[in-house]
Amino acid sequence: ILSGGAKKRREAIEFYDKNNRPELAQ
């Protein structure tokens, strides 16, 4: 459960960084 949550956050960070959304990535 915890690893899955962490993985989702990492993927979201990568997505937001690629799409120039630093506030959401933060």
PDB file of all heavy atoms in Angstrom:
ATOM      1  N   ILE A   1       0.839  -1.203   0.000  1.00  0.00           N
ATOM      2  CA  ILE A   1       0.000   0.000   0.000  1.00  0.00           C
ATOM      3  C   ILE A   1       0.873   1.252   0.000  1.00  0.00           C
ATOM      4  O   ILE A   1       0.666   2.174  -0.793  1.00  0.00           O
ATOM      5  CB  ILE A   1      -0.971  -0.010   1.204  1.00  0.00           C
ATOM      6  CG1 ILE A   1      -2.055  -1.070   0.988  1.00  0.00           C
ATOM      7  CG2 ILE A   1      -1.601   1.366   1.405  1.00  0.00           C
ATOM      8  CD1 ILE A   1      -2.933  -1.331   2.196  1.00  0.00           C
ATOM      9  N   LEU A   2       1.865   1.279   0.882  1.00  0.00           N
ATOM     10  CA  LEU A   2       2.743   2.445   0.970  1.00  0.00           C
ATOM     11  C   LEU A   2       3.601   2.594  -0.286  1.00  0.00           C
ATOM     12  O   LEU A   2       3.756   3.697  -0.814  1.00  0.00           O
ATOM     13  CB  LEU A   2       3.632   2.339   2.206  1.00  0.00           C
ATOM     14  CG  LEU A   2       2.905   2.453   3.542  1.00  0.00           C
ATOM     15  CD1 LEU A   2       3.831   2.089   4.691  1.00  0.00           C
ATOM     16  CD2 LEU A   2       2.322   3.835   3.732  1.00  0.00           C
ATOM     17  N   SER A   3       4.138   1.494  -0.780  1.00  0.00           N
ATOM     18  CA  SER A   3       4.958   1.544  -1.998  1.00  0.00           C
ATOM     19  C   SER A   3       4.129   1.990  -3.194  1.00  0.00           C
ATOM     20  O   SER A   3       4.604   2.741  -4.045  1.00  0.00           O
ATOM     21  CB  SER A   3       5.579   0.176  -2.286  1.00  0.00           C
ATOM     22  OG  SER A   3       6.462  -0.187  -1.269  1.00  0.00           O
ATOM     23  N   GLY A   4       2.896   1.517  -3.258  1.00  0.00           N
ATOM     24  CA  GLY A   4       2.005   1.924  -4.348  1.00  0.00           C
ATOM     25  C   GLY A   4       1.726   3.421  -4.313  1.00  0.00           C
ATOM     26  O   GLY A   4       1.742   4.096  -5.344  1.00  0.00           O
ATOM     27  N   GLY A   5       1.488   3.941  -3.113  1.00  0.00           N
ATOM     28  CA  GLY A   5       1.276   5.383  -2.965  1.00  0.00           C
ATOM     29  C   GLY A   5       2.503   6.181  -3.357  1.00  0.00           C
ATOM     30  O   GLY A   5       2.404   7.216  -4.031  1.00  0.00           O
ATOM     31  N   ALA A   6       3.679   5.689  -2.959  1.00  0.00           N
ATOM     32  CA  ALA A   6       4.927   6.377  -3.308  1.00  0.00           C
ATOM     33  C   ALA A   6       5.153   6.338  -4.815  1.00  0.00           C
ATOM     34  O   ALA A   6       5.559   7.341  -5.421  1.00  0.00           O
ATOM     35  CB  ALA A   6       6.096   5.741  -2.577  1.00  0.00           C
ATOM     36  N   LYS A   7       4.867   5.201  -5.421  1.00  0.00           N
ATOM     37  CA  LYS A   7       5.055   5.066  -6.874  1.00  0.00           C
ATOM     38  C   LYS A   7       4.137   6.032  -7.634  1.00  0.00           C
ATOM     39  O   LYS A   7       4.558   6.677  -8.591  1.00  0.00           O
ATOM     40  CB  LYS A   7       4.771   3.628  -7.305  1.00  0.00           C
ATOM     41  CG  LYS A   7       4.982   3.394  -8.783  1.00  0.00           C
ATOM     42  CD  LYS A   7       4.710   1.956  -9.170  1.00  0.00           C
ATOM     43  CE  LYS A   7       4.910   1.773 -10.662  1.00  0.00           C
ATOM     44  NZ  LYS A   7       4.571   0.416 -11.083  1.00  0.00           N
ATOM     45  N   LYS A   8       2.898   6.145  -7.188  1.00  0.00           N
ATOM     46  CA  LYS A   8       1.959   7.078  -7.829  1.00  0.00           C
ATOM     47  C   LYS A   8       2.479   8.505  -7.744  1.00  0.00           C
ATOM     48  O   LYS A   8       2.390   9.270  -8.708  1.00  0.00           O
ATOM     49  CB  LYS A   8       0.580   6.999  -7.165  1.00  0.00           C
ATOM     50  CG  LYS A   8      -0.186   5.768  -7.506  1.00  0.00           C
ATOM     51  CD  LYS A   8      -1.511   5.741  -6.761  1.00  0.00           C
ATOM     52  CE  LYS A   8      -2.199   4.410  -6.932  1.00  0.00           C
ATOM     53  NZ  LYS A   8      -3.402   4.286  -6.106  1.00  0.00           N
ATOM     54  N   ARG A   9       3.025   8.855  -6.582  1.00  0.00           N
ATOM     55  CA  ARG A   9       3.547  10.222  -6.418  1.00  0.00           C
ATOM     56  C   ARG A   9       4.750  10.455  -7.324  1.00  0.00           C
ATOM     57  O   ARG A   9       4.871  11.503  -7.948  1.00  0.00           O
ATOM     58  CB  ARG A   9       3.967  10.467  -4.965  1.00  0.00           C
ATOM     59  CG  ARG A   9       2.901  10.664  -3.878  1.00  0.00           C
ATOM     60  CD  ARG A   9       1.493  10.734  -4.282  1.00  0.00           C
ATOM     61  NE  ARG A   9       0.528  10.949  -3.246  1.00  0.00           N
ATOM     62  CZ  ARG A   9      -0.213   9.994  -2.687  1.00  0.00           C
ATOM     63  NH1 ARG A   9      -0.066   8.730  -3.008  1.00  0.00           N
ATOM     64  NH2 ARG A   9      -1.148  10.308  -1.798  1.00  0.00           N
ATOM     65  N   ARG A  10       5.660   9.461  -7.415  1.00  0.00           N
ATOM     66  CA  ARG A  10       6.837   9.611  -8.292  1.00  0.00           C
ATOM     67  C   ARG A  10       6.418   9.793  -9.749  1.00  0.00           C
ATOM     68  O   ARG A  10       6.982  10.621 -10.468  1.00  0.00           O
ATOM     69  CB  ARG A  10       7.754   8.395  -8.171  1.00  0.00           C
ATOM     70  CG  ARG A  10       8.595   8.399  -6.932  1.00  0.00           C
ATOM     71  CD  ARG A  10       9.645   7.289  -6.958  1.00  0.00           C
ATOM     72  NE  ARG A  10      10.047   6.985  -5.613  1.00  0.00           N
ATOM     73  CZ  ARG A  10       9.570   5.972  -4.885  1.00  0.00           C
ATOM     74  NH1 ARG A  10       8.698   5.135  -5.389  1.00  0.00           N
ATOM     75  NH2 ARG A  10       9.982   5.795  -3.653  1.00  0.00           N
ATOM     76  N   GLU A  11       5.447   9.001 -10.185  1.00  0.00           N
ATOM     77  CA  GLU A  11       4.967   9.103 -11.567  1.00  0.00           C
ATOM     78  C   GLU A  11       4.323  10.465 -11.806  1.00  0.00           C
ATOM     79  O   GLU A  11       4.508  11.068 -12.861  1.00  0.00           O
ATOM     80  CB  GLU A  11       3.985   7.975 -11.874  1.00  0.00           C
ATOM     81  CG  GLU A  11       4.653   6.623 -11.964  1.00  0.00           C
ATOM     82  CD  GLU A  11       3.671   5.463 -12.040  1.00  0.00           C
ATOM     83  OE1 GLU A  11       2.442   5.683 -11.893  1.00  0.00           O
ATOM     84  OE2 GLU A  11       4.136   4.329 -12.243  1.00  0.00           O
ATOM     85  N   ALA A  12       3.570  10.952 -10.837  1.00  0.00           N
ATOM     86  CA  ALA A  12       2.932  12.259 -10.968  1.00  0.00           C
ATOM     87  C   ALA A  12       3.981  13.368 -11.023  1.00  0.00           C
ATOM     88  O   ALA A  12       3.856  14.310 -11.820  1.00  0.00           O
ATOM     89  CB  ALA A  12       1.968  12.499  -9.807  1.00  0.00           C
ATOM     90  N   ILE A  13       5.023  13.249 -10.201  1.00  0.00           N
ATOM     91  CA  ILE A  13       6.098  14.250 -10.214  1.00  0.00           C
ATOM     92  C   ILE A  13       6.736  14.290 -11.593  1.00  0.00           C
ATOM     93  O   ILE A  13       6.944  15.371 -12.162  1.00  0.00           O
ATOM     94  CB  ILE A  13       7.159  13.934  -9.127  1.00  0.00           C
ATOM     95  CG1 ILE A  13       6.571  14.173  -7.736  1.00  0.00           C
ATOM     96  CG2 ILE A  13       8.420  14.762  -9.336  1.00  0.00           C
ATOM     97  CD1 ILE A  13       7.411  13.594  -6.599  1.00  0.00           C
ATOM     98  N   GLU A  14       7.038  13.120 -12.130  1.00  0.00           N
ATOM     99  CA  GLU A  14       7.649  13.041 -13.459  1.00  0.00           C
ATOM    100  C   GLU A  14       6.738  13.670 -14.516  1.00  0.00           C
ATOM    101  O   GLU A  14       7.178  14.453 -15.359  1.00  0.00           O
ATOM    102  CB  GLU A  14       7.921  11.570 -13.796  1.00  0.00           C
ATOM    103  CG  GLU A  14       8.713  11.347 -15.048  1.00  0.00           C
ATOM    104  CD  GLU A  14       9.008   9.872 -15.265  1.00  0.00           C
ATOM    105  OE1 GLU A  14       9.322   9.159 -14.293  1.00  0.00           O
ATOM    106  OE2 GLU A  14       8.909   9.445 -16.432  1.00  0.00           O
ATOM    107  N   PHE A  15       5.452  13.357 -14.449  1.00  0.00           N
ATOM    108  CA  PHE A  15       4.477  13.894 -15.405  1.00  0.00           C
ATOM    109  C   PHE A  15       4.384  15.416 -15.299  1.00  0.00           C
ATOM    110  O   PHE A  15       4.432  16.119 -16.307  1.00  0.00           O
ATOM    111  CB  PHE A  15       3.108  13.263 -15.155  1.00  0.00           C
ATOM    112  CG  PHE A  15       2.025  13.803 -16.037  1.00  0.00           C
ATOM    113  CD1 PHE A  15       1.897  13.386 -17.343  1.00  0.00           C
ATOM    114  CD2 PHE A  15       1.122  14.745 -15.550  1.00  0.00           C
ATOM    115  CE1 PHE A  15       0.897  13.880 -18.167  1.00  0.00           C
ATOM    116  CE2 PHE A  15       0.127  15.255 -16.358  1.00  0.00           C
ATOM    117  CZ  PHE A  15       0.012  14.819 -17.671  1.00  0.00           C
ATOM    118  N   TYR A  16       4.261  15.920 -14.080  1.00  0.00           N
ATOM    119  CA  TYR A  16       4.130  17.372 -13.896  1.00  0.00           C
ATOM    120  C   TYR A  16       5.403  18.118 -14.288  1.00  0.00           C
ATOM    121  O   TYR A  16       5.341  19.219 -14.833  1.00  0.00           O
ATOM    122  CB  TYR A  16       3.745  17.705 -12.453  1.00  0.00           C
ATOM    123  CG  TYR A  16       2.338  17.283 -12.096  1.00  0.00           C
ATOM    124  CD1 TYR A  16       2.058  16.713 -10.858  1.00  0.00           C
ATOM    125  CD2 TYR A  16       1.283  17.453 -12.989  1.00  0.00           C
ATOM    126  CE1 TYR A  16       0.763  16.329 -10.522  1.00  0.00           C
ATOM    127  CE2 TYR A  16      -0.012  17.065 -12.659  1.00  0.00           C
ATOM    128  CZ  TYR A  16      -0.255  16.511 -11.430  1.00  0.00           C
ATOM    129  OH  TYR A  16      -1.534  16.132 -11.098  1.00  0.00           O
ATOM    130  N   ASP A  17       6.563  17.513 -14.005  1.00  0.00           N
ATOM    131  CA  ASP A  17       7.819  18.144 -14.423  1.00  0.00           C
ATOM    132  C   ASP A  17       7.907  18.229 -15.946  1.00  0.00           C
ATOM    133  O   ASP A  17       8.344  19.243 -16.487  1.00  0.00           O
ATOM    134  CB  ASP A  17       9.028  17.386 -13.865  1.00  0.00           C
ATOM    135  CG  ASP A  17       9.268  17.676 -12.389  1.00  0.00           C
ATOM    136  OD1 ASP A  17       8.741  18.705 -11.898  1.00  0.00           O
ATOM    137  OD2 ASP A  17       9.972  16.882 -11.740  1.00  0.00           O
ATOM    138  N   LYS A  18       7.502  17.169 -16.636  1.00  0.00           N
ATOM    139  CA  LYS A  18       7.546  17.165 -18.102  1.00  0.00           C
ATOM    140  C   LYS A  18       6.597  18.191 -18.701  1.00  0.00           C
ATOM    141  O   LYS A  18       6.855  18.740 -19.762  1.00  0.00           O
ATOM    142  CB  LYS A  18       7.162  15.783 -18.650  1.00  0.00           C
ATOM    143  CG  LYS A  18       8.255  14.762 -18.563  1.00  0.00           C
ATOM    144  CD  LYS A  18       7.803  13.452 -19.163  1.00  0.00           C
ATOM    145  CE  LYS A  18       8.867  12.398 -19.012  1.00  0.00           C
ATOM    146  NZ  LYS A  18       8.391  11.087 -19.489  1.00  0.00           N
ATOM    147  N   ASN A  19       5.482  18.428 -18.018  1.00  0.00           N
ATOM    148  CA  ASN A  19       4.465  19.322 -18.541  1.00  0.00           C
ATOM    149  C   ASN A  19       4.515  20.713 -17.919  1.00  0.00           C
ATOM    150  O   ASN A  19       3.527  21.453 -17.957  1.00  0.00           O
ATOM    151  CB  ASN A  19       3.077  18.694 -18.366  1.00  0.00           C
ATOM    152  CG  ASN A  19       2.915  17.505 -19.266  1.00  0.00           C
ATOM    153  OD1 ASN A  19       2.912  17.635 -20.480  1.00  0.00           O
ATOM    154  ND2 ASN A  19       2.819  16.321 -18.679  1.00  0.00           N
ATOM    155  N   ASN A  20       5.659  21.049 -17.341  1.00  0.00           N
ATOM    156  CA  ASN A  20       5.902  22.389 -16.814  1.00  0.00           C
ATOM    157  C   ASN A  20       4.848  22.843 -15.806  1.00  0.00           C
ATOM    158  O   ASN A  20       4.274  23.923 -15.930  1.00  0.00           O
ATOM    159  CB  ASN A  20       6.035  23.399 -17.968  1.00  0.00           C
ATOM    160  CG  ASN A  20       6.700  24.671 -17.514  1.00  0.00           C
ATOM    161  OD1 ASN A  20       7.481  24.670 -16.572  1.00  0.00           O
ATOM    162  ND2 ASN A  20       6.389  25.770 -18.181  1.00  0.00           N
ATOM    163  N   ARG A  21       4.604  21.984 -14.812  1.00  0.00           N
ATOM    164  CA  ARG A  21       3.663  22.309 -13.734  1.00  0.00           C
ATOM    165  C   ARG A  21       4.378  22.171 -12.391  1.00  0.00           C
ATOM    166  O   ARG A  21       4.121  21.253 -11.614  1.00  0.00           O
ATOM    167  CB  ARG A  21       2.454  21.372 -13.775  1.00  0.00           C
ATOM    168  CG  ARG A  21       1.594  21.447 -15.027  1.00  0.00           C
ATOM    169  CD  ARG A  21       0.925  22.800 -15.240  1.00  0.00           C
ATOM    170  NE  ARG A  21       0.154  23.289 -14.131  1.00  0.00           N
ATOM    171  CZ  ARG A  21      -1.154  23.126 -13.973  1.00  0.00           C
ATOM    172  NH1 ARG A  21      -1.848  22.482 -14.869  1.00  0.00           N
ATOM    173  NH2 ARG A  21      -1.763  23.622 -12.918  1.00  0.00           N
ATOM    174  N   PRO A  22       5.320  23.079 -12.108  1.00  0.00           N
ATOM    175  CA  PRO A  22       6.143  22.939 -10.900  1.00  0.00           C
ATOM    176  C   PRO A  22       5.352  22.990  -9.596  1.00  0.00           C
ATOM    177  O   PRO A  22       5.727  22.332  -8.621  1.00  0.00           O
ATOM    178  CB  PRO A  22       7.126  24.104 -11.002  1.00  0.00           C
ATOM    179  CG  PRO A  22       6.488  25.077 -11.932  1.00  0.00           C
ATOM    180  CD  PRO A  22       5.645  24.274 -12.873  1.00  0.00           C
ATOM    181  N   GLU A  23       4.251  23.738  -9.568  1.00  0.00           N
ATOM    182  CA  GLU A  23       3.476  23.831  -8.325  1.00  0.00           C
ATOM    183  C   GLU A  23       2.814  22.497  -7.980  1.00  0.00           C
ATOM    184  O   GLU A  23       2.763  22.092  -6.819  1.00  0.00           O
ATOM    185  CB  GLU A  23       2.433  24.959  -8.407  1.00  0.00           C
ATOM    186  CG  GLU A  23       1.269  24.733  -9.358  1.00  0.00           C
ATOM    187  CD  GLU A  23       1.577  24.873 -10.854  1.00  0.00           C
ATOM    188  OE1 GLU A  23       2.680  25.299 -11.216  1.00  0.00           O
ATOM    189  OE2 GLU A  23       0.679  24.555 -11.664  1.00  0.00           O
ATOM    190  N   LEU A  24       2.336  21.771  -8.997  1.00  0.00           N
ATOM    191  CA  LEU A  24       1.726  20.462  -8.755  1.00  0.00           C
ATOM    192  C   LEU A  24       2.804  19.423  -8.428  1.00  0.00           C
ATOM    193  O   LEU A  24       2.591  18.560  -7.580  1.00  0.00           O
ATOM    194  CB  LEU A  24       0.904  20.031  -9.966  1.00  0.00           C
ATOM    195  CG  LEU A  24      -0.323  20.898 -10.272  1.00  0.00           C
ATOM    196  CD1 LEU A  24      -0.987  20.467 -11.570  1.00  0.00           C
ATOM    197  CD2 LEU A  24      -1.313  20.845  -9.119  1.00  0.00           C
ATOM    198  N   ALA A  25       3.942  19.521  -9.096  1.00  0.00           N
ATOM    199  CA  ALA A  25       5.051  18.602  -8.822  1.00  0.00           C
ATOM    200  C   ALA A  25       5.520  18.771  -7.375  1.00  0.00           C
ATOM    201  O   ALA A  25       5.820  17.786  -6.688  1.00  0.00           O
ATOM    202  CB  ALA A  25       6.194  18.841  -9.795  1.00  0.00           C
ATOM    203  N   GLN A  26       5.570  20.009  -6.902  1.00  0.00           N
ATOM    204  CA  GLN A  26       6.006  20.269  -5.528  1.00  0.00           C
ATOM    205  C   GLN A  26       5.046  19.651  -4.513  1.00  0.00           C
ATOM    206  O   GLN A  26       5.475  19.072  -3.516  1.00  0.00           O
ATOM    207  CB  GLN A  26       6.147  21.783  -5.286  1.00  0.00           C
ATOM    208  CG  GLN A  26       6.621  22.143  -3.900  1.00  0.00           C
ATOM    209  CD  GLN A  26       7.956  21.517  -3.532  1.00  0.00           C
ATOM    210  OE1 GLN A  26       8.831  21.339  -4.375  1.00  0.00           O
ATOM    211  NE2 GLN A  26       8.110  21.154  -2.276  1.00  0.00           N
TER     212      GLN A  26
END
